[in-house]
Amino acid sequence: MKNITIVIADDQLLTREGLRTILDLEDDFEVVGMAKNGLEACELVEQLQPDLALLDIQMPMMTGIAALKRIKLSCPKTYILILTTFIETDYIVEAMASGASGYMLKDMEGDRMIASIRDIVSGQFILPAAVAAKLAERMSQLSEDQGQLQRSSISRIKLTEREQELAHLILQGLNNREIADTLHIAEGTVRNYISNLYSKLEVVDRGQAIVRLQGLTK
């Protein structure tokens, strides 16, 4: 089985070395490069073409968000995981809108980060509860029963009741398996509902859907 190749970008030496130590313990992970600023991260990713890049947000020469945008243009097949201490909503929304596959906090447990990397490379979108909660703060007037989206602002999209439930759970950061467990339906059924939801929202992935839904409920 092919190893998951990773580039780490963080301006703190101890953080870079600590992440490499954690990730190198996994048999299927291979840290192929480390960068101390955003520009160096872009150059390394473009040279090495890793499966995934771990990017801090606040870095010298080029921020993590700016690096993310450049990498998605030059290396669209490389997944991007934002790993940061910053939980500001504007950062979260911009990262997702720019193509990040996940947004994680540095105080997360090592096992959770390792699992998140594997999930991202398998095509899942990662948004932990603490980050999803920041997005939820911008949402207005969720109903108490299922936290349904405000009908007046989203009525023109004409979501069904089930699609509104799914939208709410997506904004909470749940993945397809967790949504299926919450709604007591099959995971395949969840995928079908989400496909219909994406079509109505005119988006192609979960990150875009979250940004779109968050914008509709301001």
C-alpha atoms as a PDB file:
ATOM      1  CA  MET A   1       0.000   0.000   0.000  1.00  0.00           C
ATOM      2  CA  LYS A   2       1.321   3.441  -0.979  1.00  0.00           C
ATOM      3  CA  ASN A   3       2.348   5.718   1.886  1.00  0.00           C
ATOM      4  CA  ILE A   4       0.514   9.007   2.443  1.00  0.00           C
ATOM      5  CA  THR A   5       3.101  11.698   1.680  1.00  0.00           C
ATOM      6  CA  ILE A   6       2.895  14.891   3.735  1.00  0.00           C
ATOM      7  CA  VAL A   7       4.436  18.373   3.764  1.00  0.00           C
ATOM      8  CA  ILE A   8       4.310  20.275   7.071  1.00  0.00           C
ATOM      9  CA  ALA A   9       4.347  24.090   7.087  1.00  0.00           C
ATOM     10  CA  ASP A  10       4.628  26.017  10.362  1.00  0.00           C
ATOM     11  CA  ASP A  11       6.856  28.907  11.400  1.00  0.00           C
ATOM     12  CA  GLN A  12       7.561  27.326  14.810  1.00  0.00           C
ATOM     13  CA  LEU A  13      10.426  24.819  14.749  1.00  0.00           C
ATOM     14  CA  LEU A  14       9.155  22.894  17.767  1.00  0.00           C
ATOM     15  CA  THR A  15       5.732  22.529  16.185  1.00  0.00           C
ATOM     16  CA  ARG A  16       7.182  21.277  12.901  1.00  0.00           C
ATOM     17  CA  GLU A  17       9.431  18.770  14.616  1.00  0.00           C
ATOM     18  CA  GLY A  18       6.674  17.648  16.977  1.00  0.00           C
ATOM     19  CA  LEU A  19       4.264  17.016  14.109  1.00  0.00           C
ATOM     20  CA  ARG A  20       6.890  15.119  12.150  1.00  0.00           C
ATOM     21  CA  THR A  21       7.670  12.936  15.155  1.00  0.00           C
ATOM     22  CA  ILE A  22       3.982  12.080  15.622  1.00  0.00           C
ATOM     23  CA  LEU A  23       3.331  11.384  11.941  1.00  0.00           C
ATOM     24  CA  ASP A  24       6.520   9.410  11.299  1.00  0.00           C
ATOM     25  CA  LEU A  25       5.397   6.871  13.900  1.00  0.00           C
ATOM     26  CA  GLU A  26       2.662   5.751  11.504  1.00  0.00           C
ATOM     27  CA  ASP A  27       3.694   3.055   9.046  1.00  0.00           C
ATOM     28  CA  ASP A  28       1.590   4.533   6.235  1.00  0.00           C
ATOM     29  CA  PHE A  29       2.695   8.171   6.674  1.00  0.00           C
ATOM     30  CA  GLU A  30       5.806   9.746   5.167  1.00  0.00           C
ATOM     31  CA  VAL A  31       6.754  13.358   5.915  1.00  0.00           C
ATOM     32  CA  VAL A  32       8.591  14.372   2.746  1.00  0.00           C
ATOM     33  CA  GLY A  33       9.183  18.053   3.494  1.00  0.00           C
ATOM     34  CA  MET A  34       8.918  20.792   6.112  1.00  0.00           C
ATOM     35  CA  ALA A  35       8.521  24.519   5.516  1.00  0.00           C
ATOM     36  CA  LYS A  36       8.953  27.472   7.868  1.00  0.00           C
ATOM     37  CA  ASN A  37       6.826  29.935   5.872  1.00  0.00           C
ATOM     38  CA  GLY A  38       4.004  30.007   3.344  1.00  0.00           C
ATOM     39  CA  LEU A  39       6.187  30.657   0.303  1.00  0.00           C
ATOM     40  CA  GLU A  40       8.480  27.755   1.145  1.00  0.00           C
ATOM     41  CA  ALA A  41       5.406  25.559   1.636  1.00  0.00           C
ATOM     42  CA  CYS A  42       4.178  26.347  -1.880  1.00  0.00           C
ATOM     43  CA  GLU A  43       7.597  25.640  -3.403  1.00  0.00           C
ATOM     44  CA  LEU A  44       7.935  22.324  -1.548  1.00  0.00           C
ATOM     45  CA  VAL A  45       4.453  21.157  -2.480  1.00  0.00           C
ATOM     46  CA  GLU A  46       4.968  22.085  -6.121  1.00  0.00           C
ATOM     47  CA  GLN A  47       8.289  20.229  -6.143  1.00  0.00           C
ATOM     48  CA  LEU A  48       7.268  17.136  -4.165  1.00  0.00           C
ATOM     49  CA  GLN A  49       3.566  16.803  -5.103  1.00  0.00           C
ATOM     50  CA  PRO A  50       2.564  15.287  -1.722  1.00  0.00           C
ATOM     51  CA  ASP A  51      -0.801  13.745  -0.985  1.00  0.00           C
ATOM     52  CA  LEU A  52      -1.445  16.264   1.777  1.00  0.00           C
ATOM     53  CA  ALA A  53      -0.099  19.575   3.083  1.00  0.00           C
ATOM     54  CA  LEU A  54      -0.513  20.622   6.706  1.00  0.00           C
ATOM     55  CA  LEU A  55      -0.609  24.427   6.780  1.00  0.00           C
ATOM     56  CA  ASP A  56      -0.538  26.850   9.680  1.00  0.00           C
ATOM     57  CA  ILE A  57      -2.464  30.087   9.064  1.00  0.00           C
ATOM     58  CA  GLN A  58      -0.152  32.772  10.429  1.00  0.00           C
ATOM     59  CA  MET A  59       3.223  32.367   8.718  1.00  0.00           C
ATOM     60  CA  PRO A  60       5.787  34.889   7.431  1.00  0.00           C
ATOM     61  CA  MET A  61       6.233  35.789   3.741  1.00  0.00           C
ATOM     62  CA  MET A  62       2.900  34.192   2.832  1.00  0.00           C
ATOM     63  CA  THR A  63      -0.021  33.260   5.065  1.00  0.00           C
ATOM     64  CA  GLY A  64      -1.449  29.775   5.156  1.00  0.00           C
ATOM     65  CA  ILE A  65      -4.594  30.973   3.377  1.00  0.00           C
ATOM     66  CA  ALA A  66      -2.560  32.552   0.570  1.00  0.00           C
ATOM     67  CA  ALA A  67      -0.456  29.406   0.303  1.00  0.00           C
ATOM     68  CA  LEU A  68      -3.619  27.301   0.219  1.00  0.00           C
ATOM     69  CA  LYS A  69      -4.976  29.291  -2.739  1.00  0.00           C
ATOM     70  CA  ARG A  70      -1.722  28.965  -4.693  1.00  0.00           C
ATOM     71  CA  ILE A  71      -1.364  25.260  -3.970  1.00  0.00           C
ATOM     72  CA  LYS A  72      -4.929  24.472  -5.061  1.00  0.00           C
ATOM     73  CA  LEU A  73      -4.169  26.151  -8.385  1.00  0.00           C
ATOM     74  CA  SER A  74      -0.756  24.567  -8.968  1.00  0.00           C
ATOM     75  CA  CYS A  75      -1.350  21.185  -7.286  1.00  0.00           C
ATOM     76  CA  PRO A  76      -5.107  20.524  -7.294  1.00  0.00           C
ATOM     77  CA  LYS A  77      -4.677  16.874  -6.292  1.00  0.00           C
ATOM     78  CA  THR A  78      -2.924  17.777  -3.017  1.00  0.00           C
ATOM     79  CA  TYR A  79      -5.289  17.834  -0.052  1.00  0.00           C
ATOM     80  CA  ILE A  80      -4.912  20.726   2.376  1.00  0.00           C
ATOM     81  CA  LEU A  81      -5.458  20.505   6.128  1.00  0.00           C
ATOM     82  CA  ILE A  82      -5.356  23.780   8.033  1.00  0.00           C
ATOM     83  CA  LEU A  83      -3.829  23.163  11.462  1.00  0.00           C
ATOM     84  CA  THR A  84      -3.829  26.255  13.654  1.00  0.00           C
ATOM     85  CA  THR A  85      -4.489  27.874  17.015  1.00  0.00           C
ATOM     86  CA  PHE A  86      -6.809  30.412  15.376  1.00  0.00           C
ATOM     87  CA  ILE A  87     -10.536  29.705  15.416  1.00  0.00           C
ATOM     88  CA  GLU A  88     -11.840  32.983  13.950  1.00  0.00           C
ATOM     89  CA  THR A  89     -14.880  32.431  11.753  1.00  0.00           C
ATOM     90  CA  ASP A  90     -13.494  34.503   8.872  1.00  0.00           C
ATOM     91  CA  TYR A  91     -10.438  32.256   8.679  1.00  0.00           C
ATOM     92  CA  ILE A  92     -12.597  29.141   8.701  1.00  0.00           C
ATOM     93  CA  VAL A  93     -14.917  30.361   5.949  1.00  0.00           C
ATOM     94  CA  GLU A  94     -12.084  31.618   3.730  1.00  0.00           C
ATOM     95  CA  ALA A  95     -10.134  28.376   4.129  1.00  0.00           C
ATOM     96  CA  MET A  96     -13.124  26.248   3.163  1.00  0.00           C
ATOM     97  CA  ALA A  97     -14.082  28.536   0.279  1.00  0.00           C
ATOM     98  CA  SER A  98     -10.498  28.312  -1.009  1.00  0.00           C
ATOM     99  CA  GLY A  99     -10.486  24.528  -1.126  1.00  0.00           C
ATOM    100  CA  ALA A 100      -9.229  23.280   2.249  1.00  0.00           C
ATOM    101  CA  SER A 101     -10.309  19.733   3.063  1.00  0.00           C
ATOM    102  CA  GLY A 102     -10.275  20.328   6.804  1.00  0.00           C
ATOM    103  CA  TYR A 103      -9.656  22.834   9.575  1.00  0.00           C
ATOM    104  CA  MET A 104      -8.187  21.469  12.793  1.00  0.00           C
ATOM    105  CA  LEU A 105      -6.888  23.016  16.008  1.00  0.00           C
ATOM    106  CA  LYS A 106      -3.363  22.408  17.295  1.00  0.00           C
ATOM    107  CA  ASP A 107      -4.569  21.289  20.706  1.00  0.00           C
ATOM    108  CA  MET A 108      -6.281  18.238  19.232  1.00  0.00           C
ATOM    109  CA  GLU A 109      -5.162  14.780  20.309  1.00  0.00           C
ATOM    110  CA  GLY A 110      -2.547  13.091  18.149  1.00  0.00           C
ATOM    111  CA  ASP A 111      -4.768  10.085  17.439  1.00  0.00           C
ATOM    112  CA  ARG A 112      -7.547  12.356  16.213  1.00  0.00           C
ATOM    113  CA  MET A 113      -5.191  14.227  13.898  1.00  0.00           C
ATOM    114  CA  ILE A 114      -3.881  10.962  12.454  1.00  0.00           C
ATOM    115  CA  ALA A 115      -7.421   9.717  11.856  1.00  0.00           C
ATOM    116  CA  SER A 116      -8.365  13.060  10.287  1.00  0.00           C
ATOM    117  CA  ILE A 117      -5.466  12.870   7.828  1.00  0.00           C
ATOM    118  CA  ARG A 118      -6.529   9.398   6.738  1.00  0.00           C
ATOM    119  CA  ASP A 119     -10.151  10.571   6.368  1.00  0.00           C
ATOM    120  CA  ILE A 120      -9.136  13.591   4.281  1.00  0.00           C
ATOM    121  CA  VAL A 121      -7.002  11.526   1.908  1.00  0.00           C
ATOM    122  CA  SER A 122      -9.945   9.129   1.487  1.00  0.00           C
ATOM    123  CA  GLY A 123     -12.070  12.076   0.353  1.00  0.00           C
ATOM    124  CA  GLN A 124     -13.842  13.178   3.526  1.00  0.00           C
ATOM    125  CA  PHE A 125     -14.159  16.740   4.759  1.00  0.00           C
ATOM    126  CA  ILE A 126     -13.021  17.353   8.351  1.00  0.00           C
ATOM    127  CA  LEU A 127     -14.540  20.019  10.567  1.00  0.00           C
ATOM    128  CA  PRO A 128     -14.436  19.351  14.319  1.00  0.00           C
ATOM    129  CA  ALA A 129     -17.240  20.369  16.630  1.00  0.00           C
ATOM    130  CA  ALA A 130     -15.380  23.359  18.110  1.00  0.00           C
ATOM    131  CA  VAL A 131     -14.848  24.837  14.658  1.00  0.00           C
ATOM    132  CA  ALA A 132     -18.384  24.056  13.515  1.00  0.00           C
ATOM    133  CA  ALA A 133     -19.672  25.854  16.612  1.00  0.00           C
ATOM    134  CA  LYS A 134     -17.976  29.047  15.457  1.00  0.00           C
ATOM    135  CA  LEU A 135     -19.861  28.837  12.188  1.00  0.00           C
ATOM    136  CA  ALA A 136     -23.094  28.173  14.040  1.00  0.00           C
ATOM    137  CA  GLU A 137     -22.664  31.464  15.928  1.00  0.00           C
ATOM    138  CA  ARG A 138     -23.313  33.317  12.671  1.00  0.00           C
ATOM    139  CA  MET A 139     -26.473  31.405  11.927  1.00  0.00           C
ATOM    140  CA  SER A 140     -29.697  33.176  12.824  1.00  0.00           C
ATOM    141  CA  GLN A 141     -32.839  31.786  14.451  1.00  0.00           C
ATOM    142  CA  LEU A 142     -32.485  28.006  14.227  1.00  0.00           C
ATOM    143  CA  SER A 143     -35.686  26.314  15.263  1.00  0.00           C
ATOM    144  CA  GLU A 144     -35.506  24.416  18.567  1.00  0.00           C
ATOM    145  CA  ASP A 145     -36.815  21.082  17.313  1.00  0.00           C
ATOM    146  CA  GLN A 146     -34.228  20.130  14.674  1.00  0.00           C
ATOM    147  CA  GLY A 147     -32.328  23.387  14.355  1.00  0.00           C
ATOM    148  CA  GLN A 148     -33.900  23.902  10.949  1.00  0.00           C
ATOM    149  CA  LEU A 149     -32.505  26.691   8.839  1.00  0.00           C
ATOM    150  CA  GLN A 150     -34.333  29.998   8.840  1.00  0.00           C
ATOM    151  CA  ARG A 151     -37.092  29.551   6.290  1.00  0.00           C
ATOM    152  CA  SER A 152     -37.351  33.196   5.235  1.00  0.00           C
ATOM    153  CA  SER A 153     -33.726  33.378   4.083  1.00  0.00           C
ATOM    154  CA  ILE A 154     -33.470  29.981   2.426  1.00  0.00           C
ATOM    155  CA  SER A 155     -37.009  29.454   1.142  1.00  0.00           C
ATOM    156  CA  ARG A 156     -36.083  30.231  -2.463  1.00  0.00           C
ATOM    157  CA  ILE A 157     -33.905  27.101  -2.540  1.00  0.00           C
ATOM    158  CA  LYS A 158     -36.886  24.996  -1.444  1.00  0.00           C
ATOM    159  CA  LEU A 159     -35.140  22.433   0.714  1.00  0.00           C
ATOM    160  CA  THR A 160     -37.230  19.538   1.944  1.00  0.00           C
ATOM    161  CA  GLU A 161     -37.511  18.944   5.696  1.00  0.00           C
ATOM    162  CA  ARG A 162     -34.978  16.108   5.451  1.00  0.00           C
ATOM    163  CA  GLU A 163     -32.549  18.279   3.466  1.00  0.00           C
ATOM    164  CA  GLN A 164     -32.849  20.993   6.127  1.00  0.00           C
ATOM    165  CA  GLU A 165     -31.981  18.394   8.772  1.00  0.00           C
ATOM    166  CA  LEU A 166     -28.960  17.330   6.736  1.00  0.00           C
ATOM    167  CA  ALA A 167     -27.885  20.947   6.231  1.00  0.00           C
ATOM    168  CA  HIS A 168     -28.010  21.547   9.977  1.00  0.00           C
ATOM    169  CA  LEU A 169     -25.944  18.424  10.700  1.00  0.00           C
ATOM    170  CA  ILE A 170     -23.395  19.329   8.024  1.00  0.00           C
ATOM    171  CA  LEU A 171     -22.964  22.727   9.660  1.00  0.00           C
ATOM    172  CA  GLN A 172     -22.347  20.945  12.956  1.00  0.00           C
ATOM    173  CA  GLY A 173     -19.379  19.191  11.339  1.00  0.00           C
ATOM    174  CA  LEU A 174     -20.813  15.660  11.210  1.00  0.00           C
ATOM    175  CA  ASN A 175     -19.526  13.292   8.535  1.00  0.00           C
ATOM    176  CA  ASN A 176     -21.788  10.990   6.502  1.00  0.00           C
ATOM    177  CA  ARG A 177     -21.494   8.100   8.950  1.00  0.00           C
ATOM    178  CA  GLU A 178     -22.372  10.312  11.918  1.00  0.00           C
ATOM    179  CA  ILE A 179     -25.320  11.831  10.030  1.00  0.00           C
ATOM    180  CA  ALA A 180     -26.613   8.338   9.220  1.00  0.00           C
ATOM    181  CA  ASP A 181     -26.395   7.345  12.885  1.00  0.00           C
ATOM    182  CA  THR A 182     -28.142  10.542  14.010  1.00  0.00           C
ATOM    183  CA  LEU A 183     -31.012  10.191  11.543  1.00  0.00           C
ATOM    184  CA  HIS A 184     -31.177   6.372  11.787  1.00  0.00           C
ATOM    185  CA  ILE A 185     -30.850   5.882   8.032  1.00  0.00           C
ATOM    186  CA  ALA A 186     -28.320   4.105   5.804  1.00  0.00           C
ATOM    187  CA  GLU A 187     -25.100   5.890   4.897  1.00  0.00           C
ATOM    188  CA  GLY A 188     -25.911   5.359   1.205  1.00  0.00           C
ATOM    189  CA  THR A 189     -29.200   7.162   1.716  1.00  0.00           C
ATOM    190  CA  VAL A 190     -27.324  10.041   3.329  1.00  0.00           C
ATOM    191  CA  ARG A 191     -25.070  10.286   0.272  1.00  0.00           C
ATOM    192  CA  ASN A 192     -28.104  10.470  -1.998  1.00  0.00           C
ATOM    193  CA  TYR A 193     -29.712  13.222   0.080  1.00  0.00           C
ATOM    194  CA  ILE A 194     -26.449  15.172   0.200  1.00  0.00           C
ATOM    195  CA  SER A 195     -26.038  14.878  -3.564  1.00  0.00           C
ATOM    196  CA  ASN A 196     -29.501  16.417  -4.000  1.00  0.00           C
ATOM    197  CA  LEU A 197     -28.652  19.113  -1.454  1.00  0.00           C
ATOM    198  CA  TYR A 198     -25.438  20.016  -3.310  1.00  0.00           C
ATOM    199  CA  SER A 199     -27.391  20.280  -6.535  1.00  0.00           C
ATOM    200  CA  LYS A 200     -29.889  22.694  -5.012  1.00  0.00           C
ATOM    201  CA  LEU A 201     -27.134  24.762  -3.421  1.00  0.00           C
ATOM    202  CA  GLU A 202     -25.178  24.737  -6.706  1.00  0.00           C
ATOM    203  CA  VAL A 203     -21.996  23.454  -5.017  1.00  0.00           C
ATOM    204  CA  VAL A 204     -19.748  20.456  -5.623  1.00  0.00           C
ATOM    205  CA  ASP A 205     -18.349  19.573  -2.193  1.00  0.00           C
ATOM    206  CA  ARG A 206     -18.941  19.875   1.547  1.00  0.00           C
ATOM    207  CA  GLY A 207     -16.678  22.856   2.059  1.00  0.00           C
ATOM    208  CA  GLN A 208     -18.567  24.884  -0.539  1.00  0.00           C
ATOM    209  CA  ALA A 209     -21.885  23.707   0.920  1.00  0.00           C
ATOM    210  CA  ILE A 210     -20.938  24.928   4.403  1.00  0.00           C
ATOM    211  CA  VAL A 211     -19.883  28.320   3.066  1.00  0.00           C
ATOM    212  CA  ARG A 212     -23.087  28.587   1.009  1.00  0.00           C
ATOM    213  CA  LEU A 213     -25.357  27.595   3.902  1.00  0.00           C
ATOM    214  CA  GLN A 214     -23.534  29.853   6.318  1.00  0.00           C
ATOM    215  CA  GLY A 215     -23.984  32.766   3.913  1.00  0.00           C
ATOM    216  CA  LEU A 216     -27.703  32.058   3.509  1.00  0.00           C
ATOM    217  CA  THR A 217     -28.299  32.143   7.265  1.00  0.00           C
ATOM    218  CA  LYS A 218     -26.492  35.335   8.235  1.00  0.00           C
END
